[in-house]
Amino acid sequence: MNPVPIDLNRLHDPRVVDHIEKVDSRVRGGFRLCLDVLGIELPDYAKTKPAGRPSIAKLMAAADADTGTIKTYHDEKRKIGVFATVTKPV
């Protein structure tokens, strides 16, 4: 069996990327398996995301990073700092 060179630039063709992102997960899994068996590095669009939902802390950290607000989720949850309950003297 003679080795045949493979043009890896085709993996980054927008049509291939669009197709792999839209196909069933079983087809995508087969695509990843083929690339793995051939020893070809997986493109970013073919990689899987971590299973499960992200934690609330990660979601809040992402929201704080996006909005530029002070990271106060933990203080608010523990009711400390500016979120502490204030009792007024009678």
Protein backbone atom coordinates (compact mmCIF):
# COMPACT_ATOMS: atom_id res chain seq x y z
CA MET A 1 0.00 0.00 0.00
CA ASN A 2 1.48 3.32 -1.06
CA PRO A 3 1.10 6.34 1.21
CA VAL A 4 -1.00 9.12 -0.26
CA PRO A 5 -0.39 12.74 0.79
CA ILE A 6 -3.39 14.50 2.34
CA ASP A 7 -4.14 18.20 1.86
CA LEU A 8 -5.05 19.32 5.40
CA ASN A 9 -6.13 22.76 4.16
CA ARG A 10 -9.41 21.19 3.07
CA LEU A 11 -10.31 20.67 6.73
CA HIS A 12 -10.50 24.44 7.12
CA ASP A 13 -12.75 24.99 4.10
CA PRO A 14 -15.84 26.96 5.27
CA ARG A 15 -18.13 24.42 3.57
CA VAL A 16 -16.56 21.55 5.54
CA VAL A 17 -16.74 23.53 8.79
CA ASP A 18 -20.40 24.39 8.18
CA HIS A 19 -21.28 20.78 7.34
CA ILE A 20 -19.54 19.25 10.38
CA GLU A 21 -21.14 21.77 12.75
CA LYS A 22 -24.64 20.89 11.45
CA VAL A 23 -24.46 17.08 11.19
CA ASP A 24 -25.68 14.55 13.75
CA SER A 25 -23.39 13.94 16.73
CA ARG A 26 -22.76 10.34 15.59
CA VAL A 27 -21.37 11.57 12.27
CA ARG A 28 -19.27 14.16 14.07
CA GLY A 29 -17.96 11.41 16.37
CA GLY A 30 -16.99 9.30 13.37
CA PHE A 31 -15.23 12.30 11.84
CA ARG A 32 -13.25 12.82 15.05
CA LEU A 33 -12.42 9.09 15.22
CA CYS A 34 -11.11 9.07 11.64
CA LEU A 35 -8.88 12.06 12.27
CA ASP A 36 -7.63 10.52 15.52
CA VAL A 37 -6.83 7.16 13.88
CA LEU A 38 -4.95 8.94 11.10
CA GLY A 39 -3.04 11.00 13.65
CA ILE A 40 -4.40 14.32 12.37
CA GLU A 41 -4.94 17.06 14.95
CA LEU A 42 -8.60 17.91 15.50
CA PRO A 43 -9.69 21.33 14.21
CA ASP A 44 -11.40 23.58 16.78
CA TYR A 45 -14.83 23.12 15.20
CA ALA A 46 -14.64 19.34 15.67
CA LYS A 47 -13.70 19.38 19.36
CA THR A 48 -16.36 18.59 21.92
CA LYS A 49 -17.45 20.89 24.69
CA PRO A 50 -17.23 19.70 28.30
CA ALA A 51 -20.25 17.66 29.35
CA GLY A 52 -22.87 19.15 31.67
CA ARG A 53 -23.84 22.66 32.56
CA PRO A 54 -21.29 25.20 33.77
CA SER A 55 -21.39 26.09 37.47
CA ILE A 56 -23.10 29.30 38.59
CA ALA A 57 -19.73 30.67 39.70
CA LYS A 58 -18.33 30.24 36.17
CA LEU A 59 -21.44 31.83 34.67
CA MET A 60 -21.22 34.80 37.04
CA ALA A 61 -17.48 35.19 36.39
CA ALA A 62 -18.18 35.25 32.65
CA ALA A 63 -20.98 37.80 33.13
CA ASP A 64 -18.71 39.98 35.29
CA ALA A 65 -15.95 39.77 32.67
CA ASP A 66 -18.40 40.75 29.92
CA THR A 67 -20.01 43.65 31.77
CA GLY A 68 -16.97 44.93 33.61
CA THR A 69 -18.79 44.98 36.96
CA ILE A 70 -17.16 44.34 40.30
CA LYS A 71 -17.04 40.61 40.99
CA THR A 72 -19.41 40.60 43.95
CA TYR A 73 -21.40 37.38 43.49
CA HIS A 74 -19.79 35.63 46.47
CA ASP A 75 -20.21 38.70 48.71
CA GLU A 76 -23.87 38.96 47.74
CA LYS A 77 -24.43 35.25 48.35
CA ARG A 78 -22.80 35.39 51.81
CA LYS A 79 -24.39 38.77 52.63
CA ILE A 80 -21.08 40.38 53.54
CA GLY A 81 -19.52 43.70 52.61
CA VAL A 82 -21.94 46.09 50.92
CA PHE A 83 -24.56 43.32 50.87
CA ALA A 84 -24.56 42.83 54.66
CA THR A 85 -27.88 43.36 56.40
CA VAL A 86 -27.90 46.68 58.16
CA THR A 87 -29.96 47.12 61.30
CA LYS A 88 -30.83 50.68 62.21
CA PRO A 89 -30.64 51.65 65.89
CA VAL A 90 -33.99 52.57 67.41
